[in-house]
Structures are given as structure tokens and as C-alpha cells.
PDB file of all heavy atoms in Angstrom:
ATOM      1  N   ALA A   1       4.702  -1.267   8.126  1.00  0.00           N
ATOM      2  CA  ALA A   1       6.173  -1.394   7.980  1.00  0.00           C
ATOM      3  C   ALA A   1       6.489  -2.038   6.666  1.00  0.00           C
ATOM      4  O   ALA A   1       6.412  -1.441   5.603  1.00  0.00           O
ATOM      5  CB  ALA A   1       6.753  -2.128   9.137  1.00  0.00           C
ATOM      6  N   THR A   2       6.815  -3.321   6.712  1.00  0.00           N
ATOM      7  CA  THR A   2       7.325  -4.026   5.499  1.00  0.00           C
ATOM      8  C   THR A   2       6.303  -4.064   4.358  1.00  0.00           C
ATOM      9  O   THR A   2       6.628  -3.727   3.213  1.00  0.00           O
ATOM     10  CB  THR A   2       7.709  -5.454   5.856  1.00  0.00           C
ATOM     11  OG1 THR A   2       8.664  -5.441   6.905  1.00  0.00           O
ATOM     12  CG2 THR A   2       8.263  -6.199   4.662  1.00  0.00           C
ATOM     13  N   GLY A   3       5.070  -4.438   4.664  1.00  0.00           N
ATOM     14  CA  GLY A   3       4.079  -4.543   3.608  1.00  0.00           C
ATOM     15  C   GLY A   3       3.794  -3.170   2.930  1.00  0.00           C
ATOM     16  O   GLY A   3       3.675  -3.109   1.698  1.00  0.00           O
ATOM     17  N   GLY A   4       3.721  -2.147   3.735  1.00  0.00           N
ATOM     18  CA  GLY A   4       3.499  -0.817   3.141  1.00  0.00           C
ATOM     19  C   GLY A   4       4.704  -0.371   2.323  1.00  0.00           C
ATOM     20  O   GLY A   4       4.548   0.217   1.247  1.00  0.00           O
ATOM     21  N   ALA A   5       5.901  -0.684   2.765  1.00  0.00           N
ATOM     22  CA  ALA A   5       7.113  -0.307   2.001  1.00  0.00           C
ATOM     23  C   ALA A   5       7.174  -1.071   0.667  1.00  0.00           C
ATOM     24  O   ALA A   5       7.548  -0.462  -0.384  1.00  0.00           O
ATOM     25  CB  ALA A   5       8.348  -0.617   2.813  1.00  0.00           C
ATOM     26  N   ILE A   6       6.766  -2.328   0.642  1.00  0.00           N
ATOM     27  CA  ILE A   6       6.743  -3.052  -0.583  1.00  0.00           C
ATOM     28  C   ILE A   6       5.751  -2.459  -1.558  1.00  0.00           C
ATOM     29  O   ILE A   6       5.984  -2.306  -2.744  1.00  0.00           O
ATOM     30  CB  ILE A   6       6.415  -4.553  -0.291  1.00  0.00           C
ATOM     31  CG1 ILE A   6       7.526  -5.213   0.477  1.00  0.00           C
ATOM     32  CG2 ILE A   6       6.184  -5.315  -1.628  1.00  0.00           C
ATOM     33  CD1 ILE A   6       7.181  -6.553   1.054  1.00  0.00           C
ATOM     34  N   ALA A   7       4.582  -2.144  -1.037  1.00  0.00           N
ATOM     35  CA  ALA A   7       3.557  -1.502  -1.906  1.00  0.00           C
ATOM     36  C   ALA A   7       4.098  -0.180  -2.493  1.00  0.00           C
ATOM     37  O   ALA A   7       3.910   0.061  -3.676  1.00  0.00           O
ATOM     38  CB  ALA A   7       2.274  -1.263  -1.084  1.00  0.00           C
ATOM     39  N   ARG A   8       4.709   0.636  -1.704  1.00  0.00           N
ATOM     40  CA  ARG A   8       5.234   1.925  -2.243  1.00  0.00           C
ATOM     41  C   ARG A   8       6.306   1.648  -3.239  1.00  0.00           C
ATOM     42  O   ARG A   8       6.389   2.417  -4.245  1.00  0.00           O
ATOM     43  CB  ARG A   8       5.796   2.733  -1.046  1.00  0.00           C
ATOM     44  CG  ARG A   8       4.696   3.315  -0.107  1.00  0.00           C
ATOM     45  CD  ARG A   8       5.281   4.343   0.847  1.00  0.00           C
ATOM     46  NE  ARG A   8       6.223   3.747   1.759  1.00  0.00           N
ATOM     47  CZ  ARG A   8       5.893   3.206   2.948  1.00  0.00           C
ATOM     48  NH1 ARG A   8       4.641   3.181   3.340  1.00  0.00           N
ATOM     49  NH2 ARG A   8       6.828   2.700   3.717  1.00  0.00           N
ATOM     50  N   ARG A   9       7.124   0.636  -3.025  1.00  0.00           N
ATOM     51  CA  ARG A   9       8.239   0.381  -3.967  1.00  0.00           C
ATOM     52  C   ARG A   9       7.703  -0.013  -5.347  1.00  0.00           C
ATOM     53  O   ARG A   9       8.181   0.456  -6.359  1.00  0.00           O
ATOM     54  CB  ARG A   9       9.100  -0.773  -3.413  1.00  0.00           C
ATOM     55  CG  ARG A   9      10.354  -1.041  -4.309  1.00  0.00           C
ATOM     56  CD  ARG A   9      11.281   0.171  -4.268  1.00  0.00           C
ATOM     57  NE  ARG A   9      12.429  -0.043  -5.174  1.00  0.00           N
ATOM     58  CZ  ARG A   9      12.435   0.259  -6.484  1.00  0.00           C
ATOM     59  NH1 ARG A   9      11.299   0.718  -7.081  1.00  0.00           N
ATOM     60  NH2 ARG A   9      13.526   0.069  -7.181  1.00  0.00           N
ATOM     61  N   PHE A  10       6.736  -0.867  -5.355  1.00  0.00           N
ATOM     62  CA  PHE A  10       6.163  -1.308  -6.650  1.00  0.00           C
ATOM     63  C   PHE A  10       5.340  -0.208  -7.296  1.00  0.00           C
ATOM     64  O   PHE A  10       5.331  -0.032  -8.545  1.00  0.00           O
ATOM     65  CB  PHE A  10       5.342  -2.551  -6.492  1.00  0.00           C
ATOM     66  CG  PHE A  10       6.124  -3.820  -6.502  1.00  0.00           C
ATOM     67  CD1 PHE A  10       6.759  -4.274  -5.346  1.00  0.00           C
ATOM     68  CD2 PHE A  10       6.314  -4.562  -7.633  1.00  0.00           C
ATOM     69  CE1 PHE A  10       7.501  -5.429  -5.310  1.00  0.00           C
ATOM     70  CE2 PHE A  10       7.085  -5.704  -7.672  1.00  0.00           C
ATOM     71  CZ  PHE A  10       7.710  -6.159  -6.475  1.00  0.00           C
ATOM     72  N   ALA A  11       4.699   0.628  -6.487  1.00  0.00           N
ATOM     73  CA  ALA A  11       3.940   1.768  -7.036  1.00  0.00           C
ATOM     74  C   ALA A  11       4.866   2.739  -7.736  1.00  0.00           C
ATOM     75  O   ALA A  11       4.488   3.348  -8.741  1.00  0.00           O
ATOM     76  CB  ALA A  11       3.202   2.492  -5.898  1.00  0.00           C
ATOM     77  N   ARG A  12       6.054   2.909  -7.218  1.00  0.00           N
ATOM     78  CA  ARG A  12       7.030   3.849  -7.853  1.00  0.00           C
ATOM     79  C   ARG A  12       7.463   3.339  -9.215  1.00  0.00           C
ATOM     80  O   ARG A  12       7.930   4.096 -10.027  1.00  0.00           O
ATOM     81  CB  ARG A  12       8.308   4.017  -6.948  1.00  0.00           C
ATOM     82  CG  ARG A  12       8.040   4.811  -5.705  1.00  0.00           C
ATOM     83  CD  ARG A  12       9.315   5.403  -5.158  1.00  0.00           C
ATOM     84  NE  ARG A  12      10.299   4.379  -4.816  1.00  0.00           N
ATOM     85  CZ  ARG A  12      10.401   3.777  -3.655  1.00  0.00           C
ATOM     86  NH1 ARG A  12       9.508   4.028  -2.701  1.00  0.00           N
ATOM     87  NH2 ARG A  12      11.368   2.859  -3.426  1.00  0.00           N
ATOM     88  N   GLU A  13       7.311   2.040  -9.421  1.00  0.00           N
ATOM     89  CA  GLU A  13       7.660   1.476 -10.780  1.00  0.00           C
ATOM     90  C   GLU A  13       6.470   1.425 -11.716  1.00  0.00           C
ATOM     91  O   GLU A  13       6.562   0.834 -12.773  1.00  0.00           O
ATOM     92  CB  GLU A  13       8.236   0.092 -10.568  1.00  0.00           C
ATOM     93  CG  GLU A  13       9.498   0.008  -9.732  1.00  0.00           C
ATOM     94  CD  GLU A  13      10.683   0.708 -10.376  1.00  0.00           C
ATOM     95  OE1 GLU A  13      10.679   0.827 -11.612  1.00  0.00           O
ATOM     96  OE2 GLU A  13      11.598   1.102  -9.647  1.00  0.00           O
ATOM     97  N   GLY A  14       5.402   2.054 -11.313  1.00  0.00           N
ATOM     98  CA  GLY A  14       4.255   2.119 -12.205  1.00  0.00           C
ATOM     99  C   GLY A  14       3.231   1.024 -12.035  1.00  0.00           C
ATOM    100  O   GLY A  14       2.254   0.929 -12.837  1.00  0.00           O
ATOM    101  N   TYR A  15       3.379   0.209 -10.997  1.00  0.00           N
ATOM    102  CA  TYR A  15       2.390  -0.874 -10.749  1.00  0.00           C
ATOM    103  C   TYR A  15       1.167  -0.325 -10.053  1.00  0.00           C
ATOM    104  O   TYR A  15       1.248   0.575  -9.214  1.00  0.00           O
ATOM    105  CB  TYR A  15       3.047  -1.951  -9.897  1.00  0.00           C
ATOM    106  CG  TYR A  15       3.914  -2.916 -10.622  1.00  0.00           C
ATOM    107  CD1 TYR A  15       5.136  -2.480 -11.124  1.00  0.00           C
ATOM    108  CD2 TYR A  15       3.470  -4.222 -10.909  1.00  0.00           C
ATOM    109  CE1 TYR A  15       5.942  -3.332 -11.864  1.00  0.00           C
ATOM    110  CE2 TYR A  15       4.301  -5.052 -11.633  1.00  0.00           C
ATOM    111  CZ  TYR A  15       5.513  -4.654 -12.118  1.00  0.00           C
ATOM    112  OH  TYR A  15       6.325  -5.459 -12.842  1.00  0.00           O
ATOM    113  N   GLU A  16       0.048  -0.814 -10.449  1.00  0.00           N
ATOM    114  CA  GLU A  16      -1.212  -0.543  -9.767  1.00  0.00           C
ATOM    115  C   GLU A  16      -1.186  -1.465  -8.524  1.00  0.00           C
ATOM    116  O   GLU A  16      -1.127  -2.696  -8.637  1.00  0.00           O
ATOM    117  CB  GLU A  16      -2.396  -0.892 -10.640  1.00  0.00           C
ATOM    118  CG  GLU A  16      -3.720  -0.311 -10.180  1.00  0.00           C
ATOM    119  CD  GLU A  16      -4.149   0.849 -11.049  1.00  0.00           C
ATOM    120  OE1 GLU A  16      -3.457   1.125 -12.093  1.00  0.00           O
ATOM    121  OE2 GLU A  16      -5.161   1.446 -10.745  1.00  0.00           O
ATOM    122  N   VAL A  17      -1.204  -0.882  -7.347  1.00  0.00           N
ATOM    123  CA  VAL A  17      -1.026  -1.658  -6.130  1.00  0.00           C
ATOM    124  C   VAL A  17      -2.303  -1.906  -5.443  1.00  0.00           C
ATOM    125  O   VAL A  17      -3.101  -0.975  -5.191  1.00  0.00           O
ATOM    126  CB  VAL A  17      -0.029  -0.912  -5.192  1.00  0.00           C
ATOM    127  CG1 VAL A  17       0.078  -1.696  -3.882  1.00  0.00           C
ATOM    128  CG2 VAL A  17       1.333  -0.731  -5.852  1.00  0.00           C
ATOM    129  N   CYS A  18      -2.595  -3.175  -5.150  1.00  0.00           N
ATOM    130  CA  CYS A  18      -3.737  -3.590  -4.382  1.00  0.00           C
ATOM    131  C   CYS A  18      -3.324  -4.073  -2.999  1.00  0.00           C
ATOM    132  O   CYS A  18      -2.647  -5.099  -2.874  1.00  0.00           O
ATOM    133  CB  CYS A  18      -4.533  -4.663  -5.141  1.00  0.00           C
ATOM    134  SG  CYS A  18      -5.190  -4.141  -6.730  1.00  0.00           S
ATOM    135  N   VAL A  19      -3.631  -3.334  -1.966  1.00  0.00           N
ATOM    136  CA  VAL A  19      -3.189  -3.590  -0.635  1.00  0.00           C
ATOM    137  C   VAL A  19      -4.338  -4.148   0.199  1.00  0.00           C
ATOM    138  O   VAL A  19      -5.462  -3.650   0.121  1.00  0.00           O
ATOM    139  CB  VAL A  19      -2.557  -2.375   0.030  1.00  0.00           C
ATOM    140  CG1 VAL A  19      -1.235  -2.077  -0.651  1.00  0.00           C
ATOM    141  CG2 VAL A  19      -3.426  -1.187   0.010  1.00  0.00           C
ATOM    142  N   ALA A  20      -4.027  -5.137   1.043  1.00  0.00           N
ATOM    143  CA  ALA A  20      -5.118  -5.813   1.759  1.00  0.00           C
ATOM    144  C   ALA A  20      -4.687  -6.077   3.201  1.00  0.00           C
ATOM    145  O   ALA A  20      -3.498  -6.462   3.425  1.00  0.00           O
ATOM    146  CB  ALA A  20      -5.527  -7.090   1.110  1.00  0.00           C
ATOM    147  N   ARG A  21      -5.621  -5.902   4.119  1.00  0.00           N
ATOM    148  CA  ARG A  21      -5.435  -6.299   5.515  1.00  0.00           C
ATOM    149  C   ARG A  21      -6.805  -6.456   6.141  1.00  0.00           C
ATOM    150  O   ARG A  21      -7.769  -6.163   5.529  1.00  0.00           O
ATOM    151  CB  ARG A  21      -4.533  -5.306   6.289  1.00  0.00           C
ATOM    152  CG  ARG A  21      -5.068  -3.911   6.374  1.00  0.00           C
ATOM    153  CD  ARG A  21      -4.075  -2.915   6.989  1.00  0.00           C
ATOM    154  NE  ARG A  21      -3.749  -3.223   8.386  1.00  0.00           N
ATOM    155  CZ  ARG A  21      -2.918  -2.468   9.096  1.00  0.00           C
ATOM    156  NH1 ARG A  21      -2.303  -1.422   8.558  1.00  0.00           N
ATOM    157  NH2 ARG A  21      -2.662  -2.752  10.358  1.00  0.00           N
ATOM    158  N   ARG A  22      -6.820  -6.942   7.375  1.00  0.00           N
ATOM    159  CA  ARG A  22      -8.124  -7.231   8.010  1.00  0.00           C
ATOM    160  C   ARG A  22      -9.044  -6.046   8.010  1.00  0.00           C
ATOM    161  O   ARG A  22     -10.258  -6.174   7.686  1.00  0.00           O
ATOM    162  CB  ARG A  22      -7.862  -7.730   9.439  1.00  0.00           C
ATOM    163  CG  ARG A  22      -7.352  -9.168   9.517  1.00  0.00           C
ATOM    164  CD  ARG A  22      -8.427 -10.194   9.151  1.00  0.00           C
ATOM    165  NE  ARG A  22      -9.539 -10.194  10.056  1.00  0.00           N
ATOM    166  CZ  ARG A  22      -9.605 -10.894  11.172  1.00  0.00           C
ATOM    167  NH1 ARG A  22      -8.606 -11.657  11.523  1.00  0.00           N
ATOM    168  NH2 ARG A  22     -10.675 -10.876  11.926  1.00  0.00           N
ATOM    169  N   THR A  23      -8.537  -4.875   8.359  1.00  0.00           N
ATOM    170  CA  THR A  23      -9.381  -3.678   8.446  1.00  0.00           C
ATOM    171  C   THR A  23      -9.059  -2.711   7.313  1.00  0.00           C
ATOM    172  O   THR A  23      -7.953  -2.160   7.266  1.00  0.00           O
ATOM    173  CB  THR A  23      -9.137  -2.983   9.813  1.00  0.00           C
ATOM    174  OG1 THR A  23      -9.334  -3.904  10.874  1.00  0.00           O
ATOM    175  CG2 THR A  23     -10.059  -1.793   9.976  1.00  0.00           C
ATOM    176  N   GLU A  24     -10.008  -2.557   6.408  1.00  0.00           N
ATOM    177  CA  GLU A  24      -9.731  -1.708   5.266  1.00  0.00           C
ATOM    178  C   GLU A  24      -9.416  -0.279   5.589  1.00  0.00           C
ATOM    179  O   GLU A  24      -8.534   0.355   4.978  1.00  0.00           O
ATOM    180  CB  GLU A  24     -10.975  -1.743   4.320  1.00  0.00           C
ATOM    181  CG  GLU A  24     -10.783  -0.969   3.008  1.00  0.00           C
ATOM    182  CD  GLU A  24     -11.966  -1.085   2.064  1.00  0.00           C
ATOM    183  OE1 GLU A  24     -12.769  -2.020   2.199  1.00  0.00           O
ATOM    184  OE2 GLU A  24     -12.081  -0.219   1.159  1.00  0.00           O
ATOM    185  N   SER A  25     -10.071   0.260   6.620  1.00  0.00           N
ATOM    186  CA  SER A  25      -9.892   1.691   6.951  1.00  0.00           C
ATOM    187  C   SER A  25      -8.446   1.939   7.417  1.00  0.00           C
ATOM    188  O   SER A  25      -7.909   3.042   7.279  1.00  0.00           O
ATOM    189  CB  SER A  25     -10.869   2.094   8.065  1.00  0.00           C
ATOM    190  OG  SER A  25     -10.707   1.295   9.245  1.00  0.00           O
ATOM    191  N   ALA A  26      -7.766   0.897   7.962  1.00  0.00           N
ATOM    192  CA  ALA A  26      -6.372   1.094   8.417  1.00  0.00           C
ATOM    193  C   ALA A  26      -5.426   1.346   7.259  1.00  0.00           C
ATOM    194  O   ALA A  26      -4.291   1.709   7.467  1.00  0.00           O
ATOM    195  CB  ALA A  26      -5.946  -0.131   9.233  1.00  0.00           C
ATOM    196  N   LEU A  27      -5.861   1.037   6.066  1.00  0.00           N
ATOM    197  CA  LEU A  27      -5.032   1.214   4.875  1.00  0.00           C
ATOM    198  C   LEU A  27      -5.073   2.597   4.302  1.00  0.00           C
ATOM    199  O   LEU A  27      -4.264   2.973   3.394  1.00  0.00           O
ATOM    200  CB  LEU A  27      -5.458   0.229   3.801  1.00  0.00           C
ATOM    201  CG  LEU A  27      -5.200  -1.259   4.071  1.00  0.00           C
ATOM    202  CD1 LEU A  27      -6.025  -2.147   3.148  1.00  0.00           C
ATOM    203  CD2 LEU A  27      -3.719  -1.545   3.920  1.00  0.00           C
ATOM    204  N   ALA A  28      -5.944   3.451   4.829  1.00  0.00           N
ATOM    205  CA  ALA A  28      -6.137   4.796   4.245  1.00  0.00           C
ATOM    206  C   ALA A  28      -4.805   5.592   4.192  1.00  0.00           C
ATOM    207  O   ALA A  28      -4.474   6.195   3.157  1.00  0.00           O
ATOM    208  CB  ALA A  28      -7.178   5.544   5.036  1.00  0.00           C
ATOM    209  N   PRO A  29      -3.998   5.646   5.279  1.00  0.00           N
ATOM    210  CA  PRO A  29      -2.767   6.425   5.176  1.00  0.00           C
ATOM    211  C   PRO A  29      -1.799   5.943   4.116  1.00  0.00           C
ATOM    212  O   PRO A  29      -1.132   6.706   3.430  1.00  0.00           O
ATOM    213  CB  PRO A  29      -2.177   6.271   6.573  1.00  0.00           C
ATOM    214  CG  PRO A  29      -3.327   5.966   7.504  1.00  0.00           C
ATOM    215  CD  PRO A  29      -4.223   5.103   6.637  1.00  0.00           C
ATOM    216  N   LEU A  30      -1.696   4.584   3.975  1.00  0.00           N
ATOM    217  CA  LEU A  30      -0.836   4.034   2.966  1.00  0.00           C
ATOM    218  C   LEU A  30      -1.311   4.377   1.530  1.00  0.00           C
ATOM    219  O   LEU A  30      -0.485   4.818   0.698  1.00  0.00           O
ATOM    220  CB  LEU A  30      -0.751   2.507   3.117  1.00  0.00           C
ATOM    221  CG  LEU A  30       0.003   1.740   2.057  1.00  0.00           C
ATOM    222  CD1 LEU A  30       1.439   2.177   1.969  1.00  0.00           C
ATOM    223  CD2 LEU A  30      -0.090   0.237   2.315  1.00  0.00           C
ATOM    224  N   VAL A  31      -2.590   4.217   1.307  1.00  0.00           N
ATOM    225  CA  VAL A  31      -3.121   4.546  -0.004  1.00  0.00           C
ATOM    226  C   VAL A  31      -2.953   6.009  -0.333  1.00  0.00           C
ATOM    227  O   VAL A  31      -2.529   6.402  -1.433  1.00  0.00           O
ATOM    228  CB  VAL A  31      -4.613   4.157  -0.112  1.00  0.00           C
ATOM    229  CG1 VAL A  31      -5.280   4.697  -1.406  1.00  0.00           C
ATOM    230  CG2 VAL A  31      -4.773   2.619  -0.050  1.00  0.00           C
ATOM    231  N   GLU A  32      -3.197   6.852   0.630  1.00  0.00           N
ATOM    232  CA  GLU A  32      -3.045   8.275   0.456  1.00  0.00           C
ATOM    233  C   GLU A  32      -1.594   8.663   0.137  1.00  0.00           C
ATOM    234  O   GLU A  32      -1.310   9.532  -0.704  1.00  0.00           O
ATOM    235  CB  GLU A  32      -3.524   9.043   1.662  1.00  0.00           C
ATOM    236  CG  GLU A  32      -5.039   8.987   1.848  1.00  0.00           C
ATOM    237  CD  GLU A  32      -5.543   9.483   3.193  1.00  0.00           C
ATOM    238  OE1 GLU A  32      -4.644   9.984   3.977  1.00  0.00           O
ATOM    239  OE2 GLU A  32      -6.653   9.382   3.508  1.00  0.00           O
ATOM    240  N   SER A  33      -0.627   7.992   0.810  1.00  0.00           N
ATOM    241  CA  SER A  33       0.754   8.339   0.581  1.00  0.00           C
ATOM    242  C   SER A  33       1.213   7.903  -0.795  1.00  0.00           C
ATOM    243  O   SER A  33       2.017   8.601  -1.456  1.00  0.00           O
ATOM    244  CB  SER A  33       1.654   7.656   1.663  1.00  0.00           C
ATOM    245  OG  SER A  33       1.681   6.243   1.518  1.00  0.00           O
TER     246      SER A  33
END
């Protein structure tokens, strides 16, 4: 929800986004999007 939306917002501005959570594999959909 919020964390993913923030990552997408900064990525749209050209930022290289590094996203982190306990389980790395759970981040796959966010990174792919």
C-alpha cells in the first residue's frame, strides 16, 4: 500500500528506488511494476 505507492511516486521522478522489507521475494510485484 503506502510504501509501494511512495516508491512508485519517486521512481516516476527519475529516482533509483531501493525498496526493502523482511521478505525480498514479496517485493517482486512492486519492482516489476
